[in-house]
Amino acid sequence: MGGKMSIKILADSASDLSKHYYNQYNIEMVPLTVHLDGKEYEDGQTIEPKTVYDSMRAGKSPKTSQVSPQLFKAVFTKYAEANEPLLYIAFSSELSGTYQTAKMMELEVKESYPDAPIHIIDTKCASIGCGLVAIHAAKLAHNGATLEEIIESAEYQAEHMEHIFTVDDLEYLYRGGRVSKTAAFVGTLLKIKPLLHVEDGKLIPLEKIRGAKKVLSRMVEIMEERGTDFQNQTIGISHGDDLEKAELLASMISEKLGVNKDDIVIDMVGASVGSHAGPGTIALFFSNKPIK
């Protein structure tokens, strides 16, 4: 074969990429666990996001847990034994214990394989914010970038990833411990739609907006204020089983910012993130700095 060893990118299911992207960019995936009706499911593998949303609409509260230590250990060991470079683009450490578990397993595997080329990035990103970093890293790997170059570029992109999103009901995020009670309280009283963003890996309420239609145009406004270089980046939209609204947001962005609608990644929020965000979630992801 000769030539350079290919660098494998690993993502977790909370990056909300559908199988299409894992296949297209040759990305490996580890699933978080979803608990529903007394059963355990593997996110992205043995449960459809729609099942989670329908159960929440019916008043159920699915729970989630991080990627299992055993799974990380198995994946890391496989790459360590083959001495193949692996770069794991992890979901925000502020929103899940998955990153910490991965770090623990990395240390454990490196006791047996001290030189194992296993690297982990805490993106401080969520959903497709994380997914876009993984796709970006996988493209670089495919184009023959070195591990150092990929790590530097992925860290830079993660740092400049904006997440602007709205949920139908803040109660879900509150129940899952992802926002405080005070933040959750305001939305349900009047027909107020909360806008949130991600800061330092945490979910932070941004503003309250009256009326669902206004929320989308406000999202585009914020994107215009914070973002840049839209033609040269991939923009992501994820939705909690509301494709129509996601498509509408994509059209508005395309119209206002001159972005080709076909270049926008639109995907459903997966089962694990969806268990916290709930049906009707609309999230927008873009970079606030030109991508290096």
Protein backbone atom coordinates (compact mmCIF):
# COMPACT_ATOMS: atom_id res chain seq x y z
CA MET A 1 0.00 0.00 0.00
CA GLY A 2 2.63 2.53 1.04
CA GLY A 3 1.85 6.19 1.65
CA LYS A 4 0.39 7.70 4.77
CA MET A 5 -1.80 5.91 7.24
CA SER A 6 -5.36 7.19 7.00
CA ILE A 7 -6.67 8.97 10.07
CA LYS A 8 -10.03 7.75 11.33
CA ILE A 9 -12.58 10.18 12.73
CA LEU A 10 -14.87 8.97 15.50
CA ALA A 11 -18.06 10.81 16.48
CA ASP A 12 -20.82 10.01 18.93
CA SER A 13 -24.51 9.82 18.19
CA ALA A 14 -25.16 13.16 19.93
CA SER A 15 -23.59 14.81 16.87
CA ASP A 16 -26.95 14.08 15.19
CA LEU A 17 -25.55 13.06 11.82
CA SER A 18 -27.61 10.53 9.91
CA LYS A 19 -26.03 7.33 8.55
CA HIS A 20 -25.68 9.02 5.18
CA TYR A 21 -22.92 11.29 6.54
CA TYR A 22 -21.10 8.52 8.42
CA ASN A 23 -20.97 6.55 5.19
CA GLN A 24 -20.12 9.46 2.91
CA TYR A 25 -17.23 10.68 5.07
CA ASN A 26 -16.16 7.31 6.48
CA ILE A 27 -16.76 8.40 10.08
CA GLU A 28 -17.08 5.85 12.86
CA MET A 29 -19.84 6.37 15.45
CA VAL A 30 -20.43 5.34 19.07
CA PRO A 31 -24.01 5.52 20.39
CA LEU A 32 -25.33 7.08 23.56
CA THR A 33 -28.05 5.08 25.32
CA VAL A 34 -31.74 6.01 25.39
CA HIS A 35 -34.00 4.59 28.12
CA LEU A 36 -37.69 4.39 27.25
CA ASP A 37 -40.47 2.26 28.75
CA GLY A 38 -38.02 0.21 30.78
CA LYS A 39 -35.90 -0.69 27.76
CA GLU A 40 -32.45 0.44 26.66
CA TYR A 41 -31.75 1.48 23.08
CA GLU A 42 -28.67 2.52 21.16
CA ASP A 43 -29.10 6.01 19.76
CA GLY A 44 -28.87 6.08 15.98
CA GLN A 45 -28.94 2.29 15.80
CA THR A 46 -31.80 0.57 17.57
CA ILE A 47 -34.25 3.43 18.06
CA GLU A 48 -35.68 5.98 15.63
CA PRO A 49 -35.78 9.61 16.80
CA LYS A 50 -39.46 9.74 15.79
CA THR A 51 -40.24 7.07 18.42
CA VAL A 52 -38.75 9.35 21.08
CA TYR A 53 -40.68 12.42 19.91
CA ASP A 54 -43.97 10.55 19.70
CA SER A 55 -43.44 9.18 23.22
CA MET A 56 -42.75 12.71 24.52
CA ARG A 57 -45.86 14.04 22.80
CA ALA A 58 -47.71 11.30 24.66
CA GLY A 59 -46.31 12.60 27.95
CA LYS A 60 -43.45 10.16 28.52
CA SER A 61 -39.99 11.19 29.71
CA PRO A 62 -37.24 9.24 27.98
CA LYS A 63 -33.88 9.34 29.76
CA THR A 64 -30.40 9.07 28.32
CA SER A 65 -27.00 7.90 29.43
CA GLN A 66 -23.55 8.37 28.01
CA VAL A 67 -21.61 6.08 25.71
CA SER A 68 -20.62 3.01 27.70
CA PRO A 69 -17.01 2.72 28.94
CA GLN A 70 -16.81 -0.81 27.47
CA LEU A 71 -17.66 0.47 24.01
CA PHE A 72 -14.98 3.16 24.14
CA LYS A 73 -12.50 0.63 25.41
CA ALA A 74 -13.27 -1.78 22.58
CA VAL A 75 -13.01 0.90 19.88
CA PHE A 76 -9.81 2.43 21.32
CA THR A 77 -8.21 -1.01 21.74
CA LYS A 78 -8.98 -1.89 18.13
CA TYR A 79 -7.18 1.23 16.87
CA ALA A 80 -4.35 0.87 19.41
CA GLU A 81 -3.69 -2.72 18.30
CA ALA A 82 -3.64 -1.69 14.66
CA ASN A 83 -1.58 1.38 15.58
CA GLU A 84 -4.02 3.39 13.49
CA PRO A 85 -4.60 7.06 14.33
CA LEU A 86 -8.06 7.77 15.76
CA LEU A 87 -9.46 11.24 16.48
CA TYR A 88 -12.65 11.36 18.54
CA ILE A 89 -14.71 14.53 18.13
CA ALA A 90 -16.67 14.49 21.40
CA PHE A 91 -20.01 15.99 22.39
CA SER A 92 -19.70 18.85 24.92
CA SER A 93 -18.35 17.75 28.31
CA GLU A 94 -20.77 20.25 29.89
CA LEU A 95 -23.80 18.36 28.57
CA SER A 96 -22.79 14.73 28.97
CA GLY A 97 -20.28 12.55 30.81
CA THR A 98 -19.33 10.93 27.50
CA TYR A 99 -16.15 12.97 27.02
CA GLN A 100 -14.91 12.20 30.55
CA THR A 101 -15.60 8.49 30.06
CA ALA A 102 -13.67 8.53 26.79
CA LYS A 103 -10.69 10.22 28.50
CA MET A 104 -10.72 7.57 31.23
CA MET A 105 -10.78 4.74 28.71
CA GLU A 106 -8.05 6.42 26.65
CA LEU A 107 -5.77 6.38 29.71
CA GLU A 108 -6.67 2.78 30.44
CA VAL A 109 -5.92 1.64 26.89
CA LYS A 110 -2.67 3.63 26.87
CA GLU A 111 -1.47 1.68 29.91
CA SER A 112 -1.23 -1.33 27.60
CA TYR A 113 -0.43 0.64 24.42
CA PRO A 114 1.53 3.73 25.54
CA ASP A 115 2.07 4.91 21.97
CA ALA A 116 -1.50 4.42 20.78
CA PRO A 117 -2.34 7.32 18.43
CA ILE A 118 -5.68 8.02 20.09
CA HIS A 119 -6.74 11.65 20.45
CA ILE A 120 -9.89 13.21 21.87
CA ILE A 121 -11.27 16.72 21.35
CA ASP A 122 -13.90 18.12 23.71
CA THR A 123 -15.73 20.23 21.14
CA LYS A 124 -17.97 22.01 23.68
CA CYS A 125 -20.48 21.66 20.85
CA ALA A 126 -23.79 19.84 20.58
CA SER A 127 -25.92 18.19 17.92
CA ILE A 128 -24.98 19.14 14.35
CA GLY A 129 -22.56 21.73 15.77
CA CYS A 130 -20.52 18.70 16.74
CA GLY A 131 -21.45 16.93 13.50
CA LEU A 132 -20.10 19.76 11.33
CA VAL A 133 -16.75 19.58 13.15
CA ALA A 134 -16.65 15.82 12.55
CA ILE A 135 -17.44 16.22 8.83
CA HIS A 136 -14.80 18.96 8.53
CA ALA A 137 -12.19 16.73 10.22
CA ALA A 138 -13.14 13.75 8.04
CA LYS A 139 -12.76 15.83 4.86
CA LEU A 140 -9.32 16.98 5.98
CA ALA A 141 -8.33 13.37 6.76
CA HIS A 142 -9.56 12.29 3.34
CA ASN A 143 -7.47 15.03 1.72
CA GLY A 144 -4.33 13.79 3.46
CA ALA A 145 -3.94 16.37 6.23
CA THR A 146 -1.69 15.39 9.12
CA LEU A 147 -3.12 14.53 12.53
CA GLU A 148 -1.75 17.82 13.94
CA GLU A 149 -3.40 19.82 11.17
CA ILE A 150 -6.73 18.08 11.66
CA ILE A 151 -6.68 18.56 15.45
CA GLU A 152 -5.80 22.24 15.13
CA SER A 153 -8.45 22.89 12.50
CA ALA A 154 -11.14 20.92 14.33
CA GLU A 155 -10.42 22.73 17.60
CA TYR A 156 -10.57 26.07 15.81
CA GLN A 157 -13.87 25.21 14.14
CA ALA A 158 -15.38 23.90 17.38
CA GLU A 159 -14.39 27.08 19.18
CA HIS A 160 -16.12 29.23 16.56
CA MET A 161 -19.26 27.12 16.15
CA GLU A 162 -22.46 29.02 16.90
CA HIS A 163 -25.58 27.18 18.08
CA ILE A 164 -28.81 29.19 17.96
CA PHE A 165 -31.89 27.20 18.81
CA THR A 166 -35.45 27.22 20.04
CA VAL A 167 -37.50 24.54 21.74
CA ASP A 168 -41.26 24.06 21.89
CA ASP A 169 -41.23 23.48 25.60
CA LEU A 170 -38.37 24.36 27.98
CA GLU A 171 -39.82 21.88 30.47
CA TYR A 172 -38.01 19.05 28.68
CA LEU A 173 -34.59 20.67 29.01
CA TYR A 174 -35.34 21.49 32.63
CA ARG A 175 -36.39 17.91 33.42
CA GLY A 176 -33.17 16.61 31.93
CA GLY A 177 -31.18 19.07 34.05
CA ARG A 178 -29.93 20.97 31.00
CA VAL A 179 -31.30 24.44 31.92
CA SER A 180 -32.23 25.99 35.26
CA LYS A 181 -35.80 26.13 36.60
CA THR A 182 -35.96 29.92 36.23
CA ALA A 183 -35.00 29.70 32.57
CA ALA A 184 -37.63 27.01 32.01
CA PHE A 185 -40.38 28.85 33.86
CA VAL A 186 -40.92 31.83 31.59
CA GLY A 187 -41.65 30.15 28.28
CA THR A 188 -44.75 28.18 29.09
CA LEU A 189 -46.84 31.04 30.49
CA LEU A 190 -47.48 33.06 27.36
CA LYS A 191 -46.89 31.94 23.83
CA ILE A 192 -43.27 32.88 24.28
CA LYS A 193 -40.60 31.04 22.34
CA PRO A 194 -37.21 30.88 24.01
CA LEU A 195 -34.05 31.36 22.00
CA LEU A 196 -30.95 29.74 23.44
CA HIS A 197 -27.34 29.36 22.44
CA VAL A 198 -24.32 27.37 23.54
CA GLU A 199 -21.60 29.16 25.46
CA ASP A 200 -18.55 27.31 26.82
CA GLY A 201 -20.37 24.10 26.10
CA LYS A 202 -23.44 25.01 28.19
CA LEU A 203 -27.00 25.85 27.11
CA ILE A 204 -27.70 29.51 27.86
CA PRO A 205 -31.04 31.30 27.29
CA LEU A 206 -30.58 34.23 24.93
CA GLU A 207 -33.93 35.95 24.49
CA LYS A 208 -37.66 35.38 24.68
CA ILE A 209 -39.70 35.92 21.55
CA ARG A 210 -43.43 36.15 21.11
CA GLY A 211 -44.73 34.09 18.25
CA ALA A 212 -43.25 31.12 16.44
CA LYS A 213 -42.91 32.84 13.07
CA LYS A 214 -40.83 35.65 14.58
CA VAL A 215 -38.38 33.16 16.08
CA LEU A 216 -37.09 31.96 12.72
CA SER A 217 -36.51 35.46 11.35
CA ARG A 218 -34.76 36.38 14.60
CA MET A 219 -32.52 33.33 14.21
CA VAL A 220 -31.52 34.51 10.74
CA GLU A 221 -30.86 38.01 12.13
CA ILE A 222 -28.58 36.63 14.85
CA MET A 223 -26.82 34.51 12.26
CA GLU A 224 -26.20 37.65 10.20
CA GLU A 225 -24.88 39.51 13.27
CA ARG A 226 -22.59 36.74 14.51
CA GLY A 227 -21.59 34.81 11.44
CA THR A 228 -19.37 35.48 8.47
CA ASP A 229 -18.13 33.96 5.23
CA PHE A 230 -21.36 31.97 4.76
CA GLN A 231 -20.57 30.88 1.20
CA ASN A 232 -17.42 29.05 2.33
CA GLN A 233 -18.81 27.01 5.20
CA THR A 234 -21.33 24.29 5.77
CA ILE A 235 -24.38 25.46 7.67
CA GLY A 236 -26.39 23.00 9.73
CA ILE A 237 -30.01 22.87 10.81
CA SER A 238 -31.37 20.18 13.10
CA HIS A 239 -35.01 19.71 14.03
CA GLY A 240 -37.13 17.77 16.49
CA ASP A 241 -39.41 16.10 13.96
CA ASP A 242 -40.42 19.32 12.22
CA LEU A 243 -38.85 19.14 8.78
CA GLU A 244 -41.23 21.78 7.42
CA LYS A 245 -39.94 24.41 9.81
CA ALA A 246 -36.32 23.39 9.19
CA GLU A 247 -36.87 23.73 5.41
CA LEU A 248 -38.49 27.12 5.95
CA LEU A 249 -35.49 28.31 7.98
CA ALA A 250 -33.14 27.04 5.26
CA SER A 251 -35.10 29.00 2.62
CA MET A 252 -34.96 32.16 4.70
CA ILE A 253 -31.19 31.80 5.14
CA SER A 254 -30.73 31.10 1.47
CA GLU A 255 -32.77 34.19 0.54
CA LYS A 256 -31.27 36.59 3.04
CA LEU A 257 -27.63 35.48 3.10
CA GLY A 258 -27.16 34.16 -0.42
CA VAL A 259 -26.36 30.63 0.69
CA ASN A 260 -27.11 27.74 -1.65
CA LYS A 261 -29.92 25.81 0.02
CA ASP A 262 -28.43 22.49 -1.14
CA ASP A 263 -25.29 23.22 0.87
CA ILE A 264 -27.20 23.35 4.17
CA VAL A 265 -27.08 20.11 6.18
CA ILE A 266 -30.59 19.40 7.51
CA ASP A 267 -31.04 16.46 9.85
CA MET A 268 -33.38 15.33 12.58
CA VAL A 269 -32.18 15.76 16.15
CA GLY A 270 -31.27 12.22 17.21
CA ALA A 271 -32.88 10.18 19.96
CA SER A 272 -30.46 11.10 22.77
CA VAL A 273 -30.36 14.89 22.26
CA GLY A 274 -34.07 14.77 21.33
CA SER A 275 -34.92 13.20 24.68
CA HIS A 276 -33.79 16.49 26.26
CA ALA A 277 -34.78 19.07 23.66
CA GLY A 278 -38.15 17.60 22.73
CA PRO A 279 -40.36 17.71 19.64
CA GLY A 280 -40.47 20.99 17.71
CA THR A 281 -36.86 21.93 18.43
CA ILE A 282 -35.17 23.95 15.69
CA ALA A 283 -31.42 24.51 15.88
CA LEU A 284 -29.09 26.45 13.61
CA PHE A 285 -25.32 25.98 13.38
CA PHE A 286 -22.74 28.14 11.64
CA SER A 287 -19.22 29.47 12.10
CA ASN A 288 -18.50 32.97 13.40
CA LYS A 289 -15.03 32.99 11.83
CA PRO A 290 -13.81 32.03 8.36
CA ILE A 291 -12.84 28.37 8.42
CA LYS A 292 -9.11 27.79 8.09
